């Protein structure tokens, strides 16, 4: 299909379009870019390999869409390939923005882009942009052109075999590769790009974005809770942000209070830095982020199990986790409930989801919830004391875990491992993310010891109740003798 022509728009001359991506965006797509977005486009123009790490909400998908259309129309018979960790991110986020940008163009662009399409062709397979999923490296084979651009969105979550496949198409003279995303994962190609030669790299933190720079809002304002005094208000009293579609001090203030600056999620999503997670963090932040990204498309199959972590007083919350197979359906928290009332809430959810079992932490006040649930004839309830010794042994008969708490945390770690055949998926919940990324472990006595709950609580500034409710859903099923008395290894109590 011939290139669109518009004599009164000088920028449509190919050589000008190629050299001035920011003018293409402004004059054809009618969009304004802020400083770092312009820099990203210029780096892709000038360098074969670009990696950009950033905080949450800098307009990554916005700039990716405009990069795709600029390159496609500026370079005749070019090929543009886009990918992301999940097909949903490719289709519902990246290509949704590409379609919106295409539709708002000031001139007819040519080509055909259907309402839900993930492919824009100008001349068959010879001049085309398309979205590819990351579950099959073979999808990247066979694409070759003198001008070829590969865009990897949320690059920290893309598997290594996909990057190997991408290398196979970057063989011609004018190929470009850009990796962009939140720096959530220590390791992998995205992480290495900032430590290897041959990459043009950049970084955006929340403090670099317009809602901070234009209003003069600093980290000290967030720490001291003085940022609101610098934000103008609209007539209705709401905040009047310079760039309301980008990350705001209100969002950062909330995460400062929820996560604290030393938490891996705060490092990645606010500072735009790879988290300083040592080898002794139980669960890598990148695994948790991948589980959240996969959750919307995950099937709901298998038995439903509930986990109940009961508040021990003060500011602690009781939490109910509901898991069906490898998908955590929900996490709910409750404040100020006595045992029988919380047991009633559990019973409602147990019946609604036709659950097979509910595991209750009976340490302290949890015993009252367990005792109340035992009075419900239709509910199978299991008492769990995470302080009990673990009976898991290695092939030489040595203990693997210090206690049941360590065993359950490691079970969740294994379930979240991206190399697991069917990894656990998680809803997008700030408290749960914080709880799962925070705990640490040691090997001081030759077995895995996950730190006490109080240690995690001191770093989070609150009790990790949602995380503890989740691990309880993985408590092993305790067999109960048909006759006589036996000792439950989960609760330590004698039971019939």
Protein backbone atom coordinates (compact mmCIF):
# COMPACT_ATOMS: atom_id res chain seq x y z
CA UNK A 1 0.00 0.00 0.00
CA UNK A 2 1.45 3.43 -0.93
CA UNK A 3 2.54 5.83 1.78
CA UNK A 4 -0.01 8.46 2.77
CA UNK A 5 0.72 11.86 1.27
CA UNK A 6 -0.05 15.34 2.52
CA UNK A 7 1.92 18.08 0.80
CA UNK A 8 1.24 20.67 3.44
CA UNK A 9 2.89 18.50 6.10
CA UNK A 10 6.60 18.66 5.35
CA UNK A 11 7.32 16.07 8.01
CA UNK A 12 5.99 13.29 5.75
CA UNK A 13 9.21 13.34 3.78
CA UNK A 14 10.82 10.03 4.85
CA UNK A 15 14.21 11.51 5.70
CA UNK A 16 12.59 14.12 7.95
CA UNK A 17 10.34 11.57 9.63
CA UNK A 18 13.34 9.37 10.33
CA UNK A 19 15.36 12.18 11.89
CA UNK A 20 12.58 13.92 13.83
CA UNK A 21 10.41 11.40 15.69
CA UNK A 22 9.20 14.08 18.10
CA UNK A 23 7.81 16.10 15.17
CA UNK A 24 6.04 13.05 13.82
CA UNK A 25 4.37 12.59 17.18
CA UNK A 26 3.41 16.26 17.44
CA UNK A 27 2.39 17.01 13.83
CA UNK A 28 0.81 13.72 12.77
CA UNK A 29 -0.38 12.17 16.02
CA UNK A 30 -1.12 15.46 17.75
CA UNK A 31 0.56 14.38 20.95
CA UNK A 32 2.80 16.21 23.37
CA UNK A 33 5.72 14.33 24.88
CA UNK A 34 7.48 15.18 28.09
CA UNK A 35 11.27 15.19 28.36
CA UNK A 36 12.03 11.52 29.05
CA UNK A 37 9.54 10.31 26.43
CA UNK A 38 11.31 12.41 23.81
CA UNK A 39 14.68 11.05 24.95
CA UNK A 40 13.46 7.46 24.58
CA UNK A 41 12.45 8.08 20.96
CA UNK A 42 15.76 9.77 20.18
CA UNK A 43 17.73 6.90 21.69
CA UNK A 44 15.87 4.41 19.51
CA UNK A 45 16.57 6.61 16.50
CA UNK A 46 20.30 6.73 17.24
CA UNK A 47 21.20 3.38 18.84
CA UNK A 48 20.65 -0.26 17.88
CA UNK A 49 19.97 -1.37 21.47
CA UNK A 50 18.13 0.67 24.08
CA UNK A 51 17.04 -0.23 27.62
CA UNK A 52 14.98 2.12 29.78
CA UNK A 53 13.97 1.34 33.35
CA UNK A 54 11.36 3.43 35.10
CA UNK A 55 8.98 3.85 37.95
CA UNK A 56 5.27 3.19 37.59
CA UNK A 57 3.17 5.54 35.49
CA UNK A 58 5.55 7.46 33.21
CA UNK A 59 3.45 6.78 30.09
CA UNK A 60 5.40 3.71 28.90
CA UNK A 61 2.56 2.26 26.85
CA UNK A 62 1.83 5.70 25.42
CA UNK A 63 5.38 6.15 24.13
CA UNK A 64 5.63 2.53 22.94
CA UNK A 65 2.59 3.02 20.70
CA UNK A 66 4.05 6.14 19.15
CA UNK A 67 7.44 4.48 18.68
CA UNK A 68 5.77 1.67 16.75
CA UNK A 69 3.84 3.97 14.41
CA UNK A 70 6.73 6.39 13.91
CA UNK A 71 9.14 3.63 12.89
CA UNK A 72 6.60 1.85 10.68
CA UNK A 73 5.70 4.97 8.66
CA UNK A 74 9.13 6.61 8.68
CA UNK A 75 10.97 3.62 7.20
CA UNK A 76 9.40 2.18 4.03
CA UNK A 77 9.03 -1.60 4.08
CA UNK A 78 9.97 -1.85 7.71
CA UNK A 79 8.85 -4.51 10.19
CA UNK A 80 7.93 -3.76 13.80
CA UNK A 81 7.43 -6.55 16.36
CA UNK A 82 6.01 -5.88 19.81
CA UNK A 83 5.84 -8.23 22.74
CA UNK A 84 5.25 -8.29 26.50
CA UNK A 85 5.16 -10.93 29.26
CA UNK A 86 1.52 -11.91 28.57
CA UNK A 87 -0.76 -11.82 25.54
CA UNK A 88 -3.20 -9.69 27.53
CA UNK A 89 -0.53 -7.00 27.88
CA UNK A 90 0.16 -7.14 24.15
CA UNK A 91 -3.48 -7.06 23.06
CA UNK A 92 -5.25 -5.08 25.77
CA UNK A 93 -2.56 -2.55 26.61
CA UNK A 94 0.08 -2.03 23.90
CA UNK A 95 -2.12 -2.57 20.86
CA UNK A 96 -5.09 -0.83 22.40
CA UNK A 97 -2.92 2.29 22.63
CA UNK A 98 -1.57 1.75 19.10
CA UNK A 99 -5.12 1.55 17.74
CA UNK A 100 -6.12 4.70 19.63
CA UNK A 101 -3.10 6.62 18.34
CA UNK A 102 -3.73 5.41 14.77
CA UNK A 103 -7.39 6.46 14.95
CA UNK A 104 -6.51 9.95 16.22
CA UNK A 105 -3.98 10.65 13.49
CA UNK A 106 -4.38 14.09 11.86
CA UNK A 107 -4.10 12.51 8.40
CA UNK A 108 -5.17 9.18 6.93
CA UNK A 109 -2.25 6.85 7.59
CA UNK A 110 -3.12 4.05 5.20
CA UNK A 111 -3.10 0.39 6.01
CA UNK A 112 -5.80 -1.54 7.77
CA UNK A 113 -6.16 -1.75 11.53
CA UNK A 114 -9.35 -3.43 12.73
CA UNK A 115 -10.94 -2.49 16.10
CA UNK A 116 -9.33 -5.38 18.02
CA UNK A 117 -6.43 -6.14 15.70
CA UNK A 118 -2.82 -6.64 16.75
CA UNK A 119 -1.43 -6.23 13.24
CA UNK A 120 -1.11 -3.22 10.93
CA UNK A 121 -0.03 -4.05 7.39
CA UNK A 122 0.94 -1.55 4.71
CA UNK A 123 2.25 -4.09 2.17
CA UNK A 124 1.53 -7.61 3.32
CA UNK A 125 4.27 -9.23 5.39
CA UNK A 126 6.90 -6.95 3.86
CA UNK A 127 5.75 -3.74 5.58
CA UNK A 128 3.96 -4.54 8.81
CA UNK A 129 3.72 -4.06 12.58
CA UNK A 130 2.38 -6.86 14.75
CA UNK A 131 2.06 -8.03 18.32
CA UNK A 132 3.51 -11.40 19.33
CA UNK A 133 2.95 -13.40 22.50
CA UNK A 134 5.86 -14.77 24.51
CA UNK A 135 4.73 -18.35 25.06
CA UNK A 136 6.41 -19.62 21.88
CA UNK A 137 9.87 -18.42 20.76
CA UNK A 138 9.19 -19.81 17.28
CA UNK A 139 6.78 -16.95 16.66
CA UNK A 140 9.76 -14.63 16.22
CA UNK A 141 11.34 -16.65 13.44
CA UNK A 142 11.27 -15.60 9.80
CA UNK A 143 11.01 -11.83 10.17
CA UNK A 144 13.77 -10.02 8.32
CA UNK A 145 13.95 -6.52 6.87
CA UNK A 146 16.58 -3.84 6.39
CA UNK A 147 14.67 -1.71 8.90
CA UNK A 148 13.30 -3.75 11.78
CA UNK A 149 12.27 -2.66 15.28
CA UNK A 150 11.53 -4.97 18.21
CA UNK A 151 9.76 -3.43 21.21
CA UNK A 152 9.70 -5.41 24.46
CA UNK A 153 7.30 -3.85 26.97
CA UNK A 154 7.59 -4.74 30.69
CA UNK A 155 10.84 -6.40 29.70
CA UNK A 156 11.74 -7.60 33.21
CA UNK A 157 9.00 -10.23 32.94
CA UNK A 158 9.98 -11.71 29.56
CA UNK A 159 11.64 -15.13 29.53
CA UNK A 160 15.22 -15.65 28.39
CA UNK A 161 14.26 -17.96 25.50
CA UNK A 162 12.26 -15.10 23.96
CA UNK A 163 15.31 -12.83 24.02
CA UNK A 164 17.31 -15.59 22.35
CA UNK A 165 14.66 -15.79 19.61
CA UNK A 166 14.68 -11.99 19.21
CA UNK A 167 18.42 -12.06 18.59
CA UNK A 168 17.71 -14.21 15.56
CA UNK A 169 15.85 -11.40 13.77
CA UNK A 170 18.30 -8.59 14.59
CA UNK A 171 20.65 -9.38 11.73
CA UNK A 172 20.22 -6.58 9.18
CA UNK A 173 21.91 -3.20 8.95
CA UNK A 174 19.29 -0.98 10.56
CA UNK A 175 17.71 -3.10 13.28
CA UNK A 176 16.57 -1.60 16.56
CA UNK A 177 15.69 -3.21 19.91
CA UNK A 178 14.18 -1.42 22.89
CA UNK A 179 13.54 -2.95 26.29
CA UNK A 180 11.36 -0.86 28.58
CA UNK A 181 9.66 -1.50 31.90
CA UNK A 182 9.70 -1.47 35.69
CA UNK A 183 12.95 -2.94 37.09
CA UNK A 184 11.31 -5.68 39.13
CA UNK A 185 13.60 -8.63 38.48
CA UNK A 186 17.26 -9.00 39.43
CA UNK A 187 18.60 -11.18 36.65
CA UNK A 188 17.62 -11.74 33.04
CA UNK A 189 18.35 -9.74 29.89
CA UNK A 190 16.64 -6.54 31.04
CA UNK A 191 18.79 -6.46 34.18
CA UNK A 192 21.95 -7.30 32.24
CA UNK A 193 21.33 -4.57 29.67
CA UNK A 194 22.23 -1.95 32.29
CA UNK A 195 25.50 -3.73 33.06
CA UNK A 196 26.70 -4.75 29.59
CA UNK A 197 28.40 -2.69 26.91
CA UNK A 198 26.58 -2.00 23.68
CA UNK A 199 23.38 -0.66 25.25
CA UNK A 200 22.12 2.93 25.40
CA UNK A 201 20.31 3.08 28.72
CA UNK A 202 18.15 5.50 30.66
CA UNK A 203 16.17 5.76 33.85
CA UNK A 204 13.10 7.60 35.14
CA UNK A 205 12.13 7.84 38.81
CA UNK A 206 8.96 9.38 40.15
CA UNK A 207 10.99 12.43 41.13
CA UNK A 208 11.87 13.06 37.45
CA UNK A 209 8.27 13.23 36.22
CA UNK A 210 6.24 16.43 35.56
CA UNK A 211 3.90 16.18 38.55
CA UNK A 212 6.99 16.39 40.78
CA UNK A 213 9.35 18.63 38.83
CA UNK A 214 6.79 21.25 37.83
CA UNK A 215 5.41 21.51 41.35
CA UNK A 216 8.78 21.28 43.12
CA UNK A 217 7.73 18.23 45.13
CA UNK A 218 10.64 16.28 46.65
CA UNK A 219 11.22 13.15 48.69
CA UNK A 220 11.31 15.32 51.80
CA UNK A 221 7.77 16.53 51.00
CA UNK A 222 6.59 12.92 50.83
CA UNK A 223 8.42 11.98 54.03
CA UNK A 224 7.05 14.97 55.94
CA UNK A 225 3.58 14.81 54.33
CA UNK A 226 3.89 18.41 53.11
CA UNK A 227 3.43 17.71 49.38
CA UNK A 228 -0.28 18.63 49.31
CA UNK A 229 0.49 22.27 50.08
CA UNK A 230 2.30 22.51 46.72
CA UNK A 231 -0.53 21.10 44.60
CA UNK A 232 -3.04 23.57 43.09
CA UNK A 233 -6.73 22.76 43.33
CA UNK A 234 -9.57 22.85 40.85
CA UNK A 235 -12.84 24.63 41.57
CA UNK A 236 -14.32 21.37 42.89
CA UNK A 237 -11.42 20.94 45.32
CA UNK A 238 -9.71 18.09 43.47
CA UNK A 239 -6.01 18.14 42.64
CA UNK A 240 -5.02 20.05 39.51
CA UNK A 241 -2.06 18.00 38.27
CA UNK A 242 0.17 19.27 35.44
CA UNK A 243 0.06 15.75 33.94
CA UNK A 244 -2.84 13.82 35.47
CA UNK A 245 -2.14 10.73 33.35
CA UNK A 246 1.33 10.27 34.91
CA UNK A 247 2.45 9.14 38.36
CA UNK A 248 1.34 11.58 41.08
CA UNK A 249 2.67 12.54 44.52
CA UNK A 250 -0.61 11.25 45.97
CA UNK A 251 0.15 7.76 44.62
CA UNK A 252 3.76 7.91 45.84
CA UNK A 253 2.67 9.11 49.27
CA UNK A 254 0.33 6.14 49.57
CA UNK A 255 3.08 3.68 48.57
CA UNK A 256 5.55 5.37 50.92
CA UNK A 257 3.19 4.57 53.79
CA UNK A 258 2.26 1.08 52.57
CA UNK A 259 5.64 -0.25 51.44
CA UNK A 260 8.33 1.93 53.06
CA UNK A 261 11.41 3.06 51.08
CA UNK A 262 13.44 -0.09 51.79
CA UNK A 263 10.84 -2.43 50.28
CA UNK A 264 11.60 -3.99 46.86
CA UNK A 265 8.28 -2.80 45.40
CA UNK A 266 9.00 0.79 46.42
CA UNK A 267 12.46 0.64 44.81
CA UNK A 268 11.03 -0.62 41.52
CA UNK A 269 7.76 1.27 41.25
CA UNK A 270 8.71 4.61 42.82
CA UNK A 271 12.48 4.99 42.40
CA UNK A 272 12.65 3.04 39.15
CA UNK A 273 15.60 1.06 40.50
CA UNK A 274 16.23 -2.66 40.61
CA UNK A 275 15.37 -3.79 44.14
CA UNK A 276 18.25 -4.55 46.45
CA UNK A 277 16.95 -8.03 47.10
CA UNK A 278 19.65 -10.30 48.36
CA UNK A 279 19.83 -13.99 47.74
CA UNK A 280 18.06 -14.49 51.06
CA UNK A 281 14.72 -12.94 50.15
CA UNK A 282 12.22 -15.79 50.09
CA UNK A 283 10.34 -14.72 46.95
CA UNK A 284 11.80 -12.48 44.20
CA UNK A 285 9.70 -9.42 43.39
CA UNK A 286 9.81 -10.33 39.69
CA UNK A 287 8.04 -13.62 40.35
CA UNK A 288 5.26 -11.81 42.21
CA UNK A 289 4.84 -9.24 39.45
CA UNK A 290 4.65 -12.04 36.86
CA UNK A 291 1.97 -13.80 38.93
CA UNK A 292 -0.07 -10.59 39.08
CA UNK A 293 0.25 -10.00 35.33
CA UNK A 294 -0.93 -13.55 34.56
CA UNK A 295 -3.90 -13.49 36.95
CA UNK A 296 -6.62 -11.99 34.69
CA UNK A 297 -6.23 -14.75 32.08
CA UNK A 298 -5.61 -17.66 34.45
CA UNK A 299 -8.26 -20.38 34.44
CA UNK A 300 -10.15 -21.25 37.61
CA UNK A 301 -9.82 -24.99 38.01
CA UNK A 302 -9.35 -27.28 40.99
CA UNK A 303 -10.49 -27.44 44.57
CA UNK A 304 -11.10 -24.34 46.66
CA UNK A 305 -9.17 -24.00 49.91
CA UNK A 306 -9.44 -21.13 52.40
CA UNK A 307 -6.67 -19.84 54.64
CA UNK A 308 -7.49 -17.75 57.72
CA UNK A 309 -4.91 -15.68 59.58
CA UNK A 310 -6.50 -14.31 62.75
CA UNK A 311 -5.54 -10.88 64.14
CA UNK A 312 -3.55 -10.98 67.34
CA UNK A 313 -4.78 -7.60 68.53
CA UNK A 314 -3.74 -3.98 68.15
CA UNK A 315 -3.62 -2.80 64.52
CA UNK A 316 -3.40 -6.32 63.10
CA UNK A 317 -6.11 -7.48 60.70
CA UNK A 318 -7.68 -10.87 60.24
CA UNK A 319 -7.33 -12.10 56.67
CA UNK A 320 -9.16 -14.69 54.57
CA UNK A 321 -7.47 -16.05 51.45
CA UNK A 322 -9.50 -18.02 48.89
CA UNK A 323 -7.51 -20.15 46.42
CA UNK A 324 -8.85 -22.34 43.64
CA UNK A 325 -6.10 -24.55 42.27
CA UNK A 326 -3.27 -22.32 41.07
CA UNK A 327 -5.29 -19.09 41.21
CA UNK A 328 -5.72 -16.97 44.32
CA UNK A 329 -9.28 -15.73 43.89
CA UNK A 330 -9.22 -13.07 46.58
CA UNK A 331 -7.80 -11.73 49.82
CA UNK A 332 -10.04 -9.97 52.31
CA UNK A 333 -9.10 -8.33 55.61
CA UNK A 334 -11.24 -7.56 58.66
CA UNK A 335 -10.66 -5.38 61.70
CA UNK A 336 -12.07 -5.76 65.19
CA UNK A 337 -13.91 -9.08 64.77
CA UNK A 338 -14.26 -11.66 67.53
CA UNK A 339 -13.80 -15.36 66.81
CA UNK A 340 -17.43 -16.41 66.22
CA UNK A 341 -18.13 -13.40 63.98
CA UNK A 342 -15.04 -14.05 61.84
CA UNK A 343 -16.01 -17.74 61.68
CA UNK A 344 -19.36 -16.66 60.25
CA UNK A 345 -17.62 -14.65 57.52
CA UNK A 346 -15.47 -17.68 56.72
CA UNK A 347 -18.54 -19.93 56.53
CA UNK A 348 -20.26 -17.62 54.02
CA UNK A 349 -17.26 -17.73 51.70
CA UNK A 350 -16.72 -21.44 52.21
CA UNK A 351 -20.24 -22.19 51.02
CA UNK A 352 -20.23 -19.63 48.22
CA UNK A 353 -17.16 -21.22 46.65
CA UNK A 354 -18.05 -24.83 47.55
CA UNK A 355 -14.68 -25.15 49.30
CA UNK A 356 -13.24 -28.46 50.43
CA UNK A 357 -11.29 -27.21 53.44
CA UNK A 358 -10.42 -24.19 55.55
CA UNK A 359 -7.05 -23.93 57.32
CA UNK A 360 -6.98 -21.71 60.41
CA UNK A 361 -3.89 -20.47 62.24
CA UNK A 362 -4.70 -21.40 65.84
CA UNK A 363 -1.83 -19.57 67.54
CA UNK A 364 -3.31 -17.23 70.13
CA UNK A 365 -6.82 -15.97 69.41
CA UNK A 366 -7.08 -18.09 66.25
CA UNK A 367 -8.24 -20.98 68.40
CA UNK A 368 -11.62 -19.32 68.93
CA UNK A 369 -12.23 -19.14 65.17
CA UNK A 370 -11.27 -22.79 64.81
CA UNK A 371 -13.52 -23.83 67.68
CA UNK A 372 -16.44 -21.89 66.21
CA UNK A 373 -15.98 -23.40 62.74
CA UNK A 374 -15.96 -26.90 64.22
CA UNK A 375 -19.60 -26.35 65.17
CA UNK A 376 -20.59 -26.00 61.49
CA UNK A 377 -21.45 -29.55 60.34
CA UNK A 378 -20.88 -28.78 56.63
CA UNK A 379 -17.38 -27.27 57.00
CA UNK A 380 -14.10 -29.17 57.02
CA UNK A 381 -11.73 -27.15 59.21
CA UNK A 382 -8.09 -27.85 59.96
CA UNK A 383 -6.08 -26.33 62.81
CA UNK A 384 -2.60 -25.11 61.83
CA UNK A 385 0.20 -24.05 64.18
CA UNK A 386 3.00 -22.69 62.00
CA UNK A 387 5.45 -22.87 64.92
CA UNK A 388 5.32 -26.69 64.87
CA UNK A 389 8.40 -28.50 63.53
CA UNK A 390 8.32 -29.48 59.86
CA UNK A 391 8.61 -33.18 59.15
CA UNK A 392 9.95 -32.76 55.60
CA UNK A 393 13.29 -34.57 55.24
CA UNK A 394 15.88 -34.74 52.47
CA UNK A 395 17.16 -37.98 50.95
CA UNK A 396 19.63 -38.35 53.83
CA UNK A 397 16.95 -37.92 56.48
CA UNK A 398 17.93 -34.36 57.43
CA UNK A 399 15.38 -31.70 58.22
CA UNK A 400 14.75 -29.33 55.31
CA UNK A 401 12.80 -26.60 57.14
CA UNK A 402 13.03 -25.18 60.64
CA UNK A 403 9.27 -25.22 61.19
CA UNK A 404 5.93 -25.42 59.40
CA UNK A 405 5.96 -21.66 58.74
CA UNK A 406 9.21 -22.04 56.77
CA UNK A 407 7.82 -25.06 54.94
CA UNK A 408 4.67 -23.19 53.88
CA UNK A 409 6.55 -20.08 52.76
CA UNK A 410 8.82 -22.26 50.64
CA UNK A 411 5.80 -24.06 49.19
CA UNK A 412 4.42 -20.70 48.04
CA UNK A 413 7.83 -19.77 46.65
CA UNK A 414 7.88 -22.96 44.58
CA UNK A 415 4.30 -22.30 43.42
CA UNK A 416 5.28 -18.80 42.20
CA UNK A 417 8.43 -19.95 40.39
CA UNK A 418 7.91 -19.05 36.69
CA UNK A 419 9.47 -22.41 35.80
CA UNK A 420 6.66 -24.21 37.60
CA UNK A 421 4.38 -25.97 35.02
CA UNK A 422 1.33 -24.01 36.27
CA UNK A 423 2.54 -21.13 38.46
CA UNK A 424 0.32 -19.62 41.11
CA UNK A 425 -1.36 -16.40 39.96
CA UNK A 426 -2.24 -13.48 42.22
CA UNK A 427 -4.71 -10.57 42.17
CA UNK A 428 -3.22 -7.07 42.08
CA UNK A 429 -3.14 -6.21 45.78
CA UNK A 430 -0.57 -3.81 47.24
CA UNK A 431 -0.59 -5.35 50.72
CA UNK A 432 -0.23 -8.89 49.40
CA UNK A 433 2.63 -7.88 47.10
CA UNK A 434 4.40 -6.21 50.00
CA UNK A 435 3.86 -9.22 52.27
CA UNK A 436 5.22 -11.73 49.77
CA UNK A 437 8.32 -9.71 48.79
CA UNK A 438 9.37 -8.83 52.34
CA UNK A 439 10.26 -12.06 54.24
CA UNK A 440 13.86 -13.26 54.40
CA UNK A 441 15.38 -16.60 55.30
CA UNK A 442 18.64 -18.04 56.55
CA UNK A 443 20.45 -21.39 56.53
CA UNK A 444 22.19 -21.02 59.88
CA UNK A 445 21.61 -24.58 61.08
CA UNK A 446 21.64 -26.26 57.70
CA UNK A 447 17.89 -25.96 57.19
CA UNK A 448 15.71 -23.21 55.76
CA UNK A 449 14.55 -20.77 58.42
CA UNK A 450 12.10 -18.09 57.32
CA UNK A 451 12.33 -15.13 59.66
CA UNK A 452 9.72 -14.75 62.43
CA UNK A 453 6.60 -12.81 61.59
CA UNK A 454 7.62 -10.04 63.98
CA UNK A 455 10.80 -9.35 61.97
CA UNK A 456 8.80 -8.92 58.78
CA UNK A 457 6.29 -6.79 60.64
CA UNK A 458 8.99 -4.42 61.89
CA UNK A 459 10.12 -3.68 58.30
CA UNK A 460 6.63 -3.37 56.84
CA UNK A 461 5.28 -1.29 59.71
CA UNK A 462 2.30 -3.64 59.95
CA UNK A 463 1.53 -7.32 60.27
CA UNK A 464 1.80 -9.31 57.00
CA UNK A 465 -1.67 -10.78 57.45
CA UNK A 466 -2.68 -11.25 53.77
CA UNK A 467 0.58 -13.07 53.04
CA UNK A 468 0.14 -15.36 56.02
CA UNK A 469 -3.43 -16.15 54.99
CA UNK A 470 -2.17 -17.18 51.56
CA UNK A 471 0.50 -19.56 52.88
CA UNK A 472 -2.14 -21.21 55.09
CA UNK A 473 -4.04 -22.31 51.97
CA UNK A 474 -1.03 -24.53 51.21
CA UNK A 475 -1.00 -26.32 54.57
CA UNK A 476 -0.84 -30.08 53.90
CA UNK A 477 -3.93 -32.15 54.57
CA UNK A 478 -3.66 -33.77 57.99
CA UNK A 479 -4.91 -37.33 58.22
CA UNK A 480 -7.02 -38.03 61.30
CA UNK A 481 -7.06 -41.56 62.81
CA UNK A 482 -10.37 -43.35 62.53
CA UNK A 483 -10.15 -44.60 66.12
CA UNK A 484 -8.26 -43.65 69.24
CA UNK A 485 -6.17 -40.55 69.69
CA UNK A 486 -3.47 -39.16 67.47
CA UNK A 487 -1.28 -36.10 67.50
CA UNK A 488 -1.71 -33.59 64.69
CA UNK A 489 1.66 -32.45 63.40
CA UNK A 490 0.01 -29.26 62.13
CA UNK A 491 -1.51 -28.11 65.39
CA UNK A 492 0.40 -30.09 68.01
CA UNK A 493 -2.92 -30.88 69.65
CA UNK A 494 -4.29 -34.34 70.35
CA UNK A 495 -7.46 -34.99 68.41
CA UNK A 496 -9.89 -37.74 67.56
